[in-house]
Amino acid sequence: VIPIGVARRADIIFYEDRNFQGRHYECMSDCADMSSYMSRCHSCRVESGCFMVYDRPNYMGNQYFMRRGEYGDYMSMMGWNDCIRSCRMIPMHRGSYRMRIYERENFGGQMHECMDDCDSFMDRYRMSDCMSCHVMDGHWLMYEQPHYRGRMMYMRPGEYRNFREMGYGGTRFMSMRRIMDSWY
């Protein structure tokens, strides 16, 4: 319940047009399908928290990480067209971070346990491919290129047996970083 006279503050606001113009949609949690709320999206404002946005419904397709800030024309910055179709709030995590990465699907091949950021799997582990992982603690971002570049994928606690079956068939993940509470 929000007391009378207190403005309700959304965590993330999506706008149809650039520079925070046009119709908007305020979101305070996960939204599996935004298409009924807006037809396009060219800018957004993250007032608090961290979010992953997706170009397809049900948290599928290309992903982009967004933290507190203003994104006046982020669609062209990311090279996307004008569709954001779902978003997921990333809960704040305070505690340890732990993930096991595997060279092959179904937790096969080389395994390395990680507790901090890794800017290159090849340089640190001599591992040219990462095809599955198990996130024990924390929230992570995996990137297709070294030094936290390229397409990304949000990983929350759980087992990820086969990236190919998750829609990342030709993608090789080459670096990862923790989503830290200081980003909120």
N, C-alpha and C. Protein backbone atom coordinates (compact mmCIF):
# COMPACT_ATOMS: atom_id res chain seq x y z
N VAL A 1 0.84 -1.18 0.00
CA VAL A 1 0.00 0.00 0.00
C VAL A 1 0.89 1.24 0.00
N ILE A 2 0.58 2.16 -0.91
CA ILE A 2 1.33 3.40 -1.00
C ILE A 2 0.50 4.50 -0.36
N PRO A 3 1.03 5.19 0.67
CA PRO A 3 0.27 6.24 1.34
C PRO A 3 -0.13 7.35 0.37
N ILE A 4 -1.26 8.00 0.66
CA ILE A 4 -1.75 9.12 -0.15
C ILE A 4 -0.71 10.24 -0.11
N GLY A 5 -0.45 10.83 -1.25
CA GLY A 5 0.50 11.93 -1.34
C GLY A 5 1.92 11.49 -1.66
N VAL A 6 2.19 10.19 -1.59
CA VAL A 6 3.52 9.68 -1.91
C VAL A 6 3.51 9.17 -3.35
N ALA A 7 4.40 9.68 -4.17
CA ALA A 7 4.44 9.27 -5.57
C ALA A 7 4.98 7.85 -5.68
N ARG A 8 4.35 7.06 -6.53
CA ARG A 8 4.82 5.71 -6.81
C ARG A 8 5.97 5.80 -7.79
N ARG A 9 7.06 5.19 -7.46
CA ARG A 9 8.24 5.27 -8.29
C ARG A 9 8.51 3.93 -8.95
N ALA A 10 8.52 3.91 -10.26
CA ALA A 10 8.82 2.69 -11.01
C ALA A 10 10.32 2.44 -11.01
N ASP A 11 10.69 1.20 -11.10
CA ASP A 11 12.11 0.87 -11.19
C ASP A 11 12.65 1.11 -12.59
N ILE A 12 11.83 0.83 -13.61
CA ILE A 12 12.26 1.05 -14.99
C ILE A 12 11.06 1.56 -15.79
N ILE A 13 11.29 2.55 -16.64
CA ILE A 13 10.23 3.12 -17.46
C ILE A 13 10.68 3.02 -18.92
N PHE A 14 9.85 2.39 -19.75
CA PHE A 14 10.11 2.26 -21.18
C PHE A 14 9.29 3.30 -21.92
N TYR A 15 9.88 3.94 -22.94
CA TYR A 15 9.20 4.96 -23.75
C TYR A 15 9.19 4.53 -25.21
N GLU A 16 8.09 4.84 -25.89
CA GLU A 16 7.99 4.47 -27.31
C GLU A 16 8.96 5.24 -28.19
N ASP A 17 9.25 6.48 -27.85
CA ASP A 17 10.10 7.31 -28.70
C ASP A 17 11.43 7.63 -28.02
N ARG A 18 12.36 8.14 -28.81
CA ARG A 18 13.66 8.54 -28.29
C ARG A 18 13.50 9.68 -27.29
N ASN A 19 14.51 9.80 -26.43
CA ASN A 19 14.59 10.89 -25.45
C ASN A 19 13.35 10.98 -24.55
N PHE A 20 12.86 9.82 -24.14
CA PHE A 20 11.80 9.71 -23.13
C PHE A 20 10.50 10.39 -23.55
N GLN A 21 10.16 10.25 -24.82
CA GLN A 21 8.94 10.84 -25.37
C GLN A 21 7.94 9.74 -25.72
N GLY A 22 6.71 10.14 -25.89
CA GLY A 22 5.66 9.22 -26.31
C GLY A 22 5.09 8.42 -25.16
N ARG A 23 4.25 7.47 -25.51
CA ARG A 23 3.65 6.60 -24.49
C ARG A 23 4.74 5.89 -23.71
N HIS A 24 4.43 5.56 -22.46
CA HIS A 24 5.42 4.86 -21.65
C HIS A 24 4.78 3.74 -20.84
N TYR A 25 5.62 2.86 -20.39
CA TYR A 25 5.20 1.73 -19.57
C TYR A 25 6.16 1.61 -18.39
N GLU A 26 5.59 1.65 -17.17
CA GLU A 26 6.39 1.55 -15.95
C GLU A 26 6.39 0.11 -15.47
N CYS A 27 7.55 -0.36 -15.06
CA CYS A 27 7.67 -1.76 -14.65
C CYS A 27 8.46 -1.84 -13.35
N MET A 28 7.95 -2.61 -12.41
CA MET A 28 8.61 -2.78 -11.12
C MET A 28 9.05 -4.23 -10.87
N SER A 29 8.80 -5.11 -11.82
CA SER A 29 9.18 -6.51 -11.66
C SER A 29 9.30 -7.16 -13.04
N ASP A 30 9.33 -8.47 -13.09
CA ASP A 30 9.43 -9.18 -14.36
C ASP A 30 8.18 -8.94 -15.20
N CYS A 31 8.37 -8.88 -16.51
CA CYS A 31 7.25 -8.76 -17.44
C CYS A 31 7.56 -9.66 -18.63
N ALA A 32 6.81 -10.76 -18.77
CA ALA A 32 7.08 -11.77 -19.80
C ALA A 32 6.68 -11.32 -21.20
N ASP A 33 5.73 -10.39 -21.31
CA ASP A 33 5.31 -9.93 -22.63
C ASP A 33 4.81 -8.50 -22.54
N MET A 34 5.59 -7.57 -23.06
CA MET A 34 5.24 -6.15 -23.00
C MET A 34 4.48 -5.68 -24.23
N SER A 35 4.25 -6.54 -25.21
CA SER A 35 3.65 -6.12 -26.47
C SER A 35 2.23 -5.57 -26.30
N SER A 36 1.51 -5.96 -25.28
CA SER A 36 0.17 -5.41 -25.09
C SER A 36 0.21 -4.00 -24.47
N TYR A 37 1.36 -3.61 -23.93
CA TYR A 37 1.50 -2.28 -23.31
C TYR A 37 2.04 -1.23 -24.26
N MET A 38 2.90 -1.65 -25.19
CA MET A 38 3.48 -0.69 -26.13
C MET A 38 3.92 -1.39 -27.40
N SER A 39 3.84 -0.66 -28.51
CA SER A 39 4.14 -1.26 -29.81
C SER A 39 5.63 -1.19 -30.17
N ARG A 40 6.34 -0.23 -29.60
CA ARG A 40 7.77 -0.09 -29.87
C ARG A 40 8.42 0.54 -28.64
N CYS A 41 9.74 0.54 -28.63
CA CYS A 41 10.47 1.12 -27.51
C CYS A 41 11.81 1.65 -28.01
N HIS A 42 12.05 2.94 -27.78
CA HIS A 42 13.31 3.54 -28.23
C HIS A 42 14.14 4.12 -27.10
N SER A 43 13.58 4.30 -25.92
CA SER A 43 14.37 4.84 -24.81
C SER A 43 13.82 4.29 -23.49
N CYS A 44 14.64 4.38 -22.46
CA CYS A 44 14.17 3.97 -21.14
C CYS A 44 14.98 4.66 -20.06
N ARG A 45 14.42 4.64 -18.88
CA ARG A 45 15.04 5.25 -17.71
C ARG A 45 14.98 4.21 -16.59
N VAL A 46 16.14 3.82 -16.08
CA VAL A 46 16.20 2.88 -14.96
C VAL A 46 16.39 3.72 -13.70
N GLU A 47 15.36 3.75 -12.86
CA GLU A 47 15.40 4.58 -11.67
C GLU A 47 16.06 3.88 -10.49
N SER A 48 15.93 2.57 -10.44
CA SER A 48 16.62 1.81 -9.41
C SER A 48 16.69 0.36 -9.83
N GLY A 49 17.68 -0.33 -9.33
CA GLY A 49 17.84 -1.75 -9.63
C GLY A 49 18.57 -2.02 -10.92
N CYS A 50 18.59 -3.29 -11.29
CA CYS A 50 19.20 -3.76 -12.53
C CYS A 50 18.20 -4.66 -13.25
N PHE A 51 18.20 -4.60 -14.58
CA PHE A 51 17.26 -5.36 -15.39
C PHE A 51 17.97 -5.97 -16.59
N MET A 52 17.43 -7.08 -17.07
CA MET A 52 17.77 -7.61 -18.39
C MET A 52 16.57 -7.33 -19.26
N VAL A 53 16.79 -6.82 -20.46
CA VAL A 53 15.71 -6.63 -21.41
C VAL A 53 15.95 -7.58 -22.58
N TYR A 54 14.87 -8.05 -23.19
CA TYR A 54 14.91 -9.07 -24.24
C TYR A 54 14.12 -8.60 -25.45
N ASP A 55 14.54 -9.00 -26.64
CA ASP A 55 13.84 -8.59 -27.85
C ASP A 55 12.74 -9.56 -28.25
N ARG A 56 12.48 -10.58 -27.43
CA ARG A 56 11.38 -11.51 -27.68
C ARG A 56 10.62 -11.75 -26.38
N PRO A 57 9.35 -12.13 -26.46
CA PRO A 57 8.59 -12.43 -25.24
C PRO A 57 9.20 -13.61 -24.47
N ASN A 58 8.80 -13.73 -23.23
CA ASN A 58 9.19 -14.85 -22.36
C ASN A 58 10.69 -14.95 -22.15
N TYR A 59 11.36 -13.78 -22.09
CA TYR A 59 12.78 -13.71 -21.75
C TYR A 59 13.65 -14.48 -22.73
N MET A 60 13.32 -14.36 -24.00
CA MET A 60 14.04 -15.06 -25.06
C MET A 60 14.68 -14.04 -26.01
N GLY A 61 15.58 -14.52 -26.83
CA GLY A 61 16.21 -13.67 -27.84
C GLY A 61 17.42 -12.93 -27.30
N ASN A 62 17.79 -11.86 -27.98
CA ASN A 62 18.93 -11.05 -27.56
C ASN A 62 18.63 -10.42 -26.22
N GLN A 63 19.66 -10.31 -25.40
CA GLN A 63 19.53 -9.75 -24.06
C GLN A 63 20.45 -8.54 -23.92
N TYR A 64 20.04 -7.61 -23.09
CA TYR A 64 20.90 -6.47 -22.80
C TYR A 64 20.73 -6.10 -21.33
N PHE A 65 21.83 -5.90 -20.64
CA PHE A 65 21.84 -5.55 -19.22
C PHE A 65 21.68 -4.04 -19.05
N MET A 66 20.81 -3.64 -18.15
CA MET A 66 20.59 -2.22 -17.90
C MET A 66 20.62 -1.96 -16.41
N ARG A 67 21.42 -0.98 -16.01
CA ARG A 67 21.44 -0.58 -14.61
C ARG A 67 21.05 0.88 -14.50
N ARG A 68 21.00 1.38 -13.31
CA ARG A 68 20.51 2.74 -13.05
C ARG A 68 21.12 3.74 -14.04
N GLY A 69 20.23 4.51 -14.68
CA GLY A 69 20.68 5.51 -15.64
C GLY A 69 19.62 5.83 -16.67
N GLU A 70 19.96 6.73 -17.56
CA GLU A 70 19.05 7.15 -18.62
C GLU A 70 19.61 6.68 -19.96
N TYR A 71 18.74 6.11 -20.77
CA TYR A 71 19.11 5.58 -22.07
C TYR A 71 18.20 6.24 -23.10
N GLY A 72 18.60 7.44 -23.56
CA GLY A 72 17.77 8.25 -24.43
C GLY A 72 17.56 7.70 -25.83
N ASP A 73 18.50 6.89 -26.30
CA ASP A 73 18.37 6.27 -27.62
C ASP A 73 19.15 4.97 -27.61
N TYR A 74 18.85 4.13 -26.64
CA TYR A 74 19.65 2.93 -26.46
C TYR A 74 19.42 1.90 -27.55
N MET A 75 18.29 1.95 -28.25
CA MET A 75 18.02 0.95 -29.27
C MET A 75 19.06 1.02 -30.40
N SER A 76 19.37 2.22 -30.87
CA SER A 76 20.36 2.31 -31.94
C SER A 76 21.76 2.07 -31.38
N MET A 77 21.98 2.40 -30.11
CA MET A 77 23.27 2.15 -29.48
C MET A 77 23.56 0.65 -29.43
N MET A 78 22.53 -0.17 -29.20
CA MET A 78 22.70 -1.61 -29.11
C MET A 78 22.61 -2.28 -30.47
N GLY A 79 22.17 -1.55 -31.49
CA GLY A 79 22.03 -2.14 -32.81
C GLY A 79 20.76 -2.97 -32.95
N TRP A 80 19.79 -2.76 -32.09
CA TRP A 80 18.53 -3.48 -32.16
C TRP A 80 17.54 -2.69 -32.99
N ASN A 81 16.45 -3.37 -33.36
CA ASN A 81 15.35 -2.63 -33.95
C ASN A 81 14.54 -2.05 -32.79
N ASP A 82 13.33 -1.73 -32.95
CA ASP A 82 12.58 -1.02 -31.91
C ASP A 82 11.77 -1.94 -30.99
N CYS A 83 12.16 -3.18 -30.85
CA CYS A 83 11.31 -4.04 -30.04
C CYS A 83 11.99 -4.56 -28.78
N ILE A 84 11.43 -4.20 -27.67
CA ILE A 84 11.72 -4.82 -26.38
C ILE A 84 10.43 -5.54 -26.06
N ARG A 85 10.49 -6.82 -25.86
CA ARG A 85 9.27 -7.59 -25.65
C ARG A 85 9.13 -8.17 -24.25
N SER A 86 10.22 -8.21 -23.48
CA SER A 86 10.13 -8.68 -22.10
C SER A 86 11.29 -8.11 -21.30
N CYS A 87 11.12 -8.08 -19.99
CA CYS A 87 12.20 -7.63 -19.12
C CYS A 87 12.16 -8.42 -17.82
N ARG A 88 13.32 -8.57 -17.23
CA ARG A 88 13.45 -9.32 -15.99
C ARG A 88 14.25 -8.50 -14.99
N MET A 89 13.70 -8.33 -13.80
CA MET A 89 14.40 -7.63 -12.73
C MET A 89 15.45 -8.57 -12.16
N ILE A 90 16.65 -8.06 -11.92
CA ILE A 90 17.72 -8.86 -11.32
C ILE A 90 17.78 -8.50 -9.84
N PRO A 91 17.48 -9.47 -8.98
CA PRO A 91 17.49 -9.17 -7.54
C PRO A 91 18.91 -8.88 -7.05
N MET A 92 19.00 -8.03 -6.04
CA MET A 92 20.29 -7.71 -5.46
C MET A 92 20.78 -8.94 -4.69
N HIS A 93 22.06 -9.21 -4.80
CA HIS A 93 22.67 -10.35 -4.12
C HIS A 93 23.79 -9.85 -3.23
N ARG A 94 23.70 -10.18 -1.97
CA ARG A 94 24.78 -9.85 -1.05
C ARG A 94 25.29 -11.15 -0.47
N GLY A 95 26.47 -11.46 -0.79
CA GLY A 95 27.05 -12.72 -0.34
C GLY A 95 28.10 -13.18 -1.31
N SER A 96 28.42 -14.46 -1.25
CA SER A 96 29.47 -15.00 -2.11
C SER A 96 28.94 -15.25 -3.52
N TYR A 97 29.87 -15.38 -4.44
CA TYR A 97 29.58 -15.69 -5.84
C TYR A 97 30.34 -16.97 -6.17
N ARG A 98 29.62 -17.89 -6.78
CA ARG A 98 30.27 -19.15 -7.14
C ARG A 98 29.59 -19.75 -8.36
N MET A 99 30.39 -20.12 -9.35
CA MET A 99 29.88 -20.74 -10.57
C MET A 99 30.91 -21.76 -11.06
N ARG A 100 30.41 -22.85 -11.59
CA ARG A 100 31.26 -23.83 -12.26
C ARG A 100 30.98 -23.75 -13.75
N ILE A 101 32.03 -23.58 -14.53
CA ILE A 101 31.89 -23.56 -15.98
C ILE A 101 32.49 -24.84 -16.55
N TYR A 102 31.86 -25.33 -17.62
CA TYR A 102 32.27 -26.59 -18.22
C TYR A 102 32.52 -26.39 -19.72
N GLU A 103 33.51 -27.10 -20.19
CA GLU A 103 33.90 -27.02 -21.59
C GLU A 103 32.85 -27.61 -22.53
N ARG A 104 32.13 -28.62 -22.06
CA ARG A 104 31.17 -29.32 -22.91
C ARG A 104 29.77 -29.29 -22.33
N GLU A 105 28.81 -29.67 -23.15
CA GLU A 105 27.42 -29.78 -22.71
C GLU A 105 27.29 -30.81 -21.59
N ASN A 106 26.22 -30.67 -20.80
CA ASN A 106 25.91 -31.60 -19.71
C ASN A 106 27.05 -31.77 -18.73
N PHE A 107 27.74 -30.67 -18.45
CA PHE A 107 28.80 -30.61 -17.45
C PHE A 107 29.97 -31.54 -17.77
N GLY A 108 30.31 -31.64 -19.05
CA GLY A 108 31.42 -32.48 -19.49
C GLY A 108 32.67 -31.69 -19.78
N GLY A 109 33.79 -32.39 -19.93
CA GLY A 109 35.06 -31.76 -20.25
C GLY A 109 35.67 -31.05 -19.06
N GLN A 110 36.57 -30.12 -19.38
CA GLN A 110 37.21 -29.34 -18.31
C GLN A 110 36.17 -28.63 -17.46
N MET A 111 36.44 -28.53 -16.16
CA MET A 111 35.57 -27.78 -15.25
C MET A 111 36.44 -26.82 -14.45
N HIS A 112 35.93 -25.60 -14.28
CA HIS A 112 36.61 -24.62 -13.45
C HIS A 112 35.59 -23.97 -12.54
N GLU A 113 35.94 -23.81 -11.29
CA GLU A 113 35.06 -23.13 -10.34
C GLU A 113 35.52 -21.68 -10.23
N CYS A 114 34.59 -20.77 -10.40
CA CYS A 114 34.88 -19.34 -10.44
C CYS A 114 34.17 -18.64 -9.29
N MET A 115 34.87 -17.68 -8.71
CA MET A 115 34.29 -16.89 -7.63
C MET A 115 34.42 -15.40 -7.90
N ASP A 116 35.03 -15.06 -9.03
CA ASP A 116 35.18 -13.65 -9.39
C ASP A 116 35.09 -13.49 -10.90
N ASP A 117 35.18 -12.26 -11.37
CA ASP A 117 35.08 -11.96 -12.80
C ASP A 117 36.23 -12.64 -13.56
N CYS A 118 35.97 -12.95 -14.80
CA CYS A 118 37.00 -13.53 -15.67
C CYS A 118 36.89 -12.86 -17.03
N ASP A 119 37.91 -12.09 -17.41
CA ASP A 119 37.83 -11.36 -18.67
C ASP A 119 38.22 -12.19 -19.89
N SER A 120 38.74 -13.42 -19.67
CA SER A 120 39.03 -14.30 -20.80
C SER A 120 39.20 -15.74 -20.30
N PHE A 121 38.27 -16.60 -20.71
CA PHE A 121 38.38 -18.02 -20.34
C PHE A 121 39.66 -18.62 -20.93
N MET A 122 40.00 -18.22 -22.14
CA MET A 122 41.17 -18.76 -22.81
C MET A 122 42.45 -18.38 -22.05
N ASP A 123 42.59 -17.12 -21.70
CA ASP A 123 43.80 -16.68 -21.00
C ASP A 123 43.92 -17.29 -19.61
N ARG A 124 42.83 -17.31 -18.86
CA ARG A 124 42.90 -17.80 -17.48
C ARG A 124 42.89 -19.32 -17.38
N TYR A 125 42.03 -19.98 -18.15
CA TYR A 125 41.83 -21.42 -17.98
C TYR A 125 42.31 -22.26 -19.17
N ARG A 126 42.78 -21.63 -20.24
CA ARG A 126 43.13 -22.34 -21.47
C ARG A 126 41.93 -23.14 -21.98
N MET A 127 40.78 -22.51 -21.90
CA MET A 127 39.52 -23.14 -22.27
C MET A 127 38.93 -22.38 -23.45
N SER A 128 38.78 -23.04 -24.59
CA SER A 128 38.32 -22.35 -25.79
C SER A 128 36.81 -22.35 -25.94
N ASP A 129 36.12 -23.14 -25.16
CA ASP A 129 34.67 -23.23 -25.25
C ASP A 129 34.06 -23.41 -23.87
N CYS A 130 32.90 -22.82 -23.68
CA CYS A 130 32.11 -23.01 -22.46
C CYS A 130 30.70 -23.35 -22.92
N MET A 131 30.27 -24.59 -22.70
CA MET A 131 28.99 -25.07 -23.23
C MET A 131 27.92 -25.32 -22.16
N SER A 132 28.32 -25.31 -20.87
CA SER A 132 27.35 -25.50 -19.79
C SER A 132 27.93 -24.91 -18.51
N CYS A 133 27.06 -24.67 -17.53
CA CYS A 133 27.54 -24.14 -16.25
C CYS A 133 26.54 -24.44 -15.15
N HIS A 134 27.01 -24.30 -13.94
CA HIS A 134 26.17 -24.45 -12.75
C HIS A 134 26.44 -23.24 -11.87
N VAL A 135 25.44 -22.39 -11.70
CA VAL A 135 25.56 -21.21 -10.85
C VAL A 135 25.08 -21.59 -9.46
N MET A 136 26.00 -21.59 -8.51
CA MET A 136 25.64 -21.92 -7.14
C MET A 136 25.23 -20.69 -6.33
N ASP A 137 25.96 -19.59 -6.51
CA ASP A 137 25.69 -18.37 -5.74
C ASP A 137 25.85 -17.14 -6.61
N GLY A 138 24.96 -16.19 -6.46
CA GLY A 138 25.07 -14.91 -7.14
C GLY A 138 24.42 -14.88 -8.51
N HIS A 139 24.49 -13.72 -9.11
CA HIS A 139 23.95 -13.47 -10.45
C HIS A 139 25.11 -13.02 -11.32
N TRP A 140 25.16 -13.56 -12.55
CA TRP A 140 26.30 -13.38 -13.43
C TRP A 140 25.85 -12.96 -14.83
N LEU A 141 26.76 -12.34 -15.57
CA LEU A 141 26.60 -12.07 -16.99
C LEU A 141 27.71 -12.81 -17.72
N MET A 142 27.34 -13.57 -18.75
CA MET A 142 28.34 -14.23 -19.59
C MET A 142 28.33 -13.51 -20.94
N TYR A 143 29.53 -13.34 -21.52
CA TYR A 143 29.70 -12.60 -22.77
C TYR A 143 30.33 -13.50 -23.83
N GLU A 144 29.96 -13.24 -25.09
CA GLU A 144 30.47 -14.06 -26.18
C GLU A 144 31.91 -13.73 -26.56
N GLN A 145 32.43 -12.60 -26.12
CA GLN A 145 33.81 -12.22 -26.44
C GLN A 145 34.58 -11.94 -25.16
N PRO A 146 35.90 -12.04 -25.23
CA PRO A 146 36.71 -11.67 -24.06
C PRO A 146 36.49 -10.20 -23.70
N HIS A 147 36.85 -9.85 -22.49
CA HIS A 147 36.79 -8.48 -21.99
C HIS A 147 35.38 -7.92 -21.96
N TYR A 148 34.41 -8.81 -21.67
CA TYR A 148 33.01 -8.42 -21.43
C TYR A 148 32.39 -7.69 -22.63
N ARG A 149 32.56 -8.25 -23.81
CA ARG A 149 32.03 -7.64 -25.02
C ARG A 149 31.13 -8.62 -25.76
N GLY A 150 30.33 -8.09 -26.67
CA GLY A 150 29.46 -8.91 -27.50
C GLY A 150 28.16 -9.27 -26.82
N ARG A 151 27.45 -10.22 -27.44
CA ARG A 151 26.17 -10.68 -26.88
C ARG A 151 26.38 -11.19 -25.47
N MET A 152 25.34 -11.05 -24.67
CA MET A 152 25.45 -11.48 -23.28
C MET A 152 24.27 -12.36 -22.89
N MET A 153 24.45 -13.07 -21.79
CA MET A 153 23.40 -13.91 -21.24
C MET A 153 23.43 -13.79 -19.72
N TYR A 154 22.25 -13.56 -19.16
CA TYR A 154 22.08 -13.46 -17.71
C TYR A 154 21.96 -14.85 -17.11
N MET A 155 22.74 -15.11 -16.07
CA MET A 155 22.74 -16.41 -15.41
C MET A 155 22.40 -16.21 -13.94
N ARG A 156 21.29 -16.80 -13.51
CA ARG A 156 20.93 -16.76 -12.10
C ARG A 156 21.16 -18.15 -11.53
N PRO A 157 21.08 -18.34 -10.22
CA PRO A 157 21.36 -19.66 -9.65
C PRO A 157 20.54 -20.77 -10.32
N GLY A 158 21.25 -21.82 -10.71
CA GLY A 158 20.62 -22.96 -11.36
C GLY A 158 21.61 -23.69 -12.24
N GLU A 159 21.14 -24.76 -12.86
CA GLU A 159 21.95 -25.56 -13.76
C GLU A 159 21.60 -25.24 -15.21
N TYR A 160 22.61 -25.04 -16.01
CA TYR A 160 22.46 -24.73 -17.43
C TYR A 160 23.24 -25.81 -18.19
N ARG A 161 22.55 -26.86 -18.59
CA ARG A 161 23.19 -28.05 -19.16
C ARG A 161 23.62 -27.91 -20.62
N ASN A 162 22.95 -27.02 -21.38
CA ASN A 162 23.24 -26.96 -22.80
C ASN A 162 22.86 -25.59 -23.35
N PHE A 163 23.83 -24.73 -23.59
CA PHE A 163 23.56 -23.38 -24.10
C PHE A 163 22.93 -23.44 -25.49
N ARG A 164 23.29 -24.45 -26.26
CA ARG A 164 22.74 -24.61 -27.61
C ARG A 164 21.22 -24.75 -27.56
N GLU A 165 20.71 -25.54 -26.63
CA GLU A 165 19.26 -25.75 -26.51
C GLU A 165 18.55 -24.52 -25.96
N MET A 166 19.30 -23.60 -25.38
CA MET A 166 18.73 -22.36 -24.86
C MET A 166 18.66 -21.28 -25.93
N GLY A 167 19.02 -21.63 -27.18
CA GLY A 167 18.97 -20.66 -28.27
C GLY A 167 20.29 -19.98 -28.55
N TYR A 168 21.38 -20.50 -28.00
CA TYR A 168 22.70 -19.92 -28.23
C TYR A 168 23.57 -20.89 -29.00
N GLY A 169 23.01 -21.45 -30.09
CA GLY A 169 23.67 -22.48 -30.88
C GLY A 169 25.07 -22.17 -31.33
N GLY A 170 25.29 -21.06 -31.99
CA GLY A 170 26.61 -20.74 -32.51
C GLY A 170 27.42 -19.83 -31.61
N THR A 171 26.93 -19.56 -30.42
CA THR A 171 27.59 -18.61 -29.54
C THR A 171 28.59 -19.31 -28.64
N ARG A 172 29.77 -18.75 -28.56
CA ARG A 172 30.78 -19.23 -27.62
C ARG A 172 30.92 -18.16 -26.55
N PHE A 173 30.79 -18.54 -25.31
CA PHE A 173 30.95 -17.57 -24.23
C PHE A 173 32.41 -17.57 -23.80
N MET A 174 33.00 -16.37 -23.74
CA MET A 174 34.44 -16.23 -23.53
C MET A 174 34.83 -15.41 -22.30
N SER A 175 33.86 -14.77 -21.63
CA SER A 175 34.16 -14.02 -20.41
C SER A 175 32.90 -13.93 -19.57
N MET A 176 33.07 -13.58 -18.29
CA MET A 176 31.91 -13.44 -17.40
C MET A 176 32.24 -12.49 -16.27
N ARG A 177 31.18 -11.88 -15.73
CA ARG A 177 31.35 -10.99 -14.58
C ARG A 177 30.16 -11.11 -13.66
N ARG A 178 30.41 -10.80 -12.40
CA ARG A 178 29.38 -10.83 -11.37
C ARG A 178 28.55 -9.56 -11.44
N ILE A 179 27.27 -9.66 -11.15
CA ILE A 179 26.42 -8.48 -11.04
C ILE A 179 26.50 -8.07 -9.58
N MET A 180 27.23 -7.02 -9.32
CA MET A 180 27.57 -6.61 -7.95
C MET A 180 26.52 -5.68 -7.36
N ASP A 181 26.38 -5.70 -6.04
CA ASP A 181 25.41 -4.83 -5.38
C ASP A 181 25.74 -3.36 -5.55
N SER A 182 26.99 -3.02 -5.84
CA SER A 182 27.36 -1.63 -6.07
C SER A 182 26.79 -1.09 -7.38
N TRP A 183 26.30 -1.98 -8.27
CA TRP A 183 25.71 -1.55 -9.55
C TRP A 183 24.29 -1.05 -9.36
N TYR A 184 23.70 -1.28 -8.22
CA TYR A 184 22.32 -0.89 -7.97
C TYR A 184 22.28 0.54 -7.50
